[in-house]
Amino acid sequence: MKILYICTPKRCRSIVSEAILNKIALNVIETSSDGRHPVGEVHPYSLTFHVHKRYSIIGFHIQPFTDNQ
């Protein structure tokens, strides 16, 4: 199963959602997140959340959503 999270700036919510599901799905669900208008950087509070909760964001990257996905 694949899940794509889409967020307008892709700074926080979609990244947090992707990290949470990656941790609890144990590689059963493939997740990714894209932004309609990505701003190019992750929100600092999002990074703090990931560190505090020990969610991995290794391999995450900012990418725009296209209708072809």
C-alpha atoms as a PDB file:
ATOM      1  CA  MET A   1       0.000   0.000   0.000  1.00  0.00           C
ATOM      2  CA  LYS A   2       1.202   3.505  -0.786  1.00  0.00           C
ATOM      3  CA  ILE A   3       0.113   6.771   0.832  1.00  0.00           C
ATOM      4  CA  LEU A   4       0.949  10.236  -0.474  1.00  0.00           C
ATOM      5  CA  TYR A   5       0.547  13.220   1.854  1.00  0.00           C
ATOM      6  CA  ILE A   6       0.056  16.529   0.074  1.00  0.00           C
ATOM      7  CA  CYS A   7       0.504  19.865   1.807  1.00  0.00           C
ATOM      8  CA  THR A   8       0.594  23.346   0.301  1.00  0.00           C
ATOM      9  CA  PRO A   9       4.045  24.513   1.489  1.00  0.00           C
ATOM     10  CA  LYS A  10       5.371  21.089   2.649  1.00  0.00           C
ATOM     11  CA  ARG A  11       7.034  22.551   5.706  1.00  0.00           C
ATOM     12  CA  CYS A  12       5.468  20.651   8.587  1.00  0.00           C
ATOM     13  CA  ARG A  13       2.213  18.657   8.465  1.00  0.00           C
ATOM     14  CA  SER A  14       2.931  16.323   5.585  1.00  0.00           C
ATOM     15  CA  ILE A  15       6.463  15.666   6.818  1.00  0.00           C
ATOM     16  CA  VAL A  16       5.255  14.910  10.351  1.00  0.00           C
ATOM     17  CA  SER A  17       2.491  12.629   9.027  1.00  0.00           C
ATOM     18  CA  GLU A  18       4.912  10.767   6.805  1.00  0.00           C
ATOM     19  CA  ALA A  19       7.411  10.238   9.642  1.00  0.00           C
ATOM     20  CA  ILE A  20       4.749   9.012  12.090  1.00  0.00           C
ATOM     21  CA  LEU A  21       3.307   6.506   9.637  1.00  0.00           C
ATOM     22  CA  ASN A  22       6.778   5.329   8.614  1.00  0.00           C
ATOM     23  CA  LYS A  23       7.507   4.528  12.246  1.00  0.00           C
ATOM     24  CA  ILE A  24       4.264   2.726  13.066  1.00  0.00           C
ATOM     25  CA  ALA A  25       3.750   0.957   9.718  1.00  0.00           C
ATOM     26  CA  LEU A  26       7.013  -1.000  10.004  1.00  0.00           C
ATOM     27  CA  ASN A  27       7.680  -0.915   6.251  1.00  0.00           C
ATOM     28  CA  VAL A  28       4.254  -2.342   5.406  1.00  0.00           C
ATOM     29  CA  ILE A  29       3.046   0.979   3.994  1.00  0.00           C
ATOM     30  CA  GLU A  30       5.170   3.078   1.647  1.00  0.00           C
ATOM     31  CA  THR A  31       4.741   6.772   2.372  1.00  0.00           C
ATOM     32  CA  SER A  32       5.826   9.973   0.690  1.00  0.00           C
ATOM     33  CA  SER A  33       4.894  13.621   0.944  1.00  0.00           C
ATOM     34  CA  ASP A  34       4.883  16.429  -1.575  1.00  0.00           C
ATOM     35  CA  GLY A  35       3.937  20.075  -1.593  1.00  0.00           C
ATOM     36  CA  ARG A  36       1.805  22.083  -4.000  1.00  0.00           C
ATOM     37  CA  HIS A  37       4.097  25.091  -3.499  1.00  0.00           C
ATOM     38  CA  PRO A  38       7.052  23.842  -1.419  1.00  0.00           C
ATOM     39  CA  VAL A  39       9.006  26.578   0.323  1.00  0.00           C
ATOM     40  CA  GLY A  40      12.307  24.721   0.238  1.00  0.00           C
ATOM     41  CA  GLU A  41      12.889  24.295   3.972  1.00  0.00           C
ATOM     42  CA  VAL A  42      11.314  22.347   6.798  1.00  0.00           C
ATOM     43  CA  HIS A  43       9.743  24.394   9.600  1.00  0.00           C
ATOM     44  CA  PRO A  44      12.064  24.510  12.665  1.00  0.00           C
ATOM     45  CA  TYR A  45       9.281  23.302  15.001  1.00  0.00           C
ATOM     46  CA  SER A  46       8.768  20.300  12.755  1.00  0.00           C
ATOM     47  CA  LEU A  47      12.443  19.407  13.071  1.00  0.00           C
ATOM     48  CA  THR A  48      12.250  19.822  16.868  1.00  0.00           C
ATOM     49  CA  PHE A  49       9.221  17.514  16.948  1.00  0.00           C
ATOM     50  CA  HIS A  50      11.036  14.842  14.950  1.00  0.00           C
ATOM     51  CA  VAL A  51      14.063  14.948  17.235  1.00  0.00           C
ATOM     52  CA  HIS A  52      11.922  14.892  20.400  1.00  0.00           C
ATOM     53  CA  LYS A  53       9.817  11.947  19.203  1.00  0.00           C
ATOM     54  CA  ARG A  54      12.807  10.195  17.613  1.00  0.00           C
ATOM     55  CA  TYR A  55      11.180  10.032  14.199  1.00  0.00           C
ATOM     56  CA  SER A  56      13.643   9.580  11.382  1.00  0.00           C
ATOM     57  CA  ILE A  57      13.613  12.097   8.561  1.00  0.00           C
ATOM     58  CA  ILE A  58      16.615  10.589   6.805  1.00  0.00           C
ATOM     59  CA  GLY A  59      15.944  10.566   3.095  1.00  0.00           C
ATOM     60  CA  PHE A  60      13.169  13.167   3.264  1.00  0.00           C
ATOM     61  CA  HIS A  61      13.447  15.900   0.677  1.00  0.00           C
ATOM     62  CA  ILE A  62      11.389  18.871  -0.417  1.00  0.00           C
ATOM     63  CA  GLN A  63       9.703  18.143  -3.711  1.00  0.00           C
ATOM     64  CA  PRO A  64       6.778  19.645  -5.584  1.00  0.00           C
ATOM     65  CA  PHE A  65       3.615  17.683  -6.241  1.00  0.00           C
ATOM     66  CA  THR A  66       2.707  17.112  -9.871  1.00  0.00           C
ATOM     67  CA  ASP A  67      -0.580  15.782 -11.160  1.00  0.00           C
ATOM     68  CA  ASN A  68       1.313  12.945 -12.867  1.00  0.00           C
ATOM     69  CA  GLN A  69       2.143  11.209  -9.572  1.00  0.00           C
END
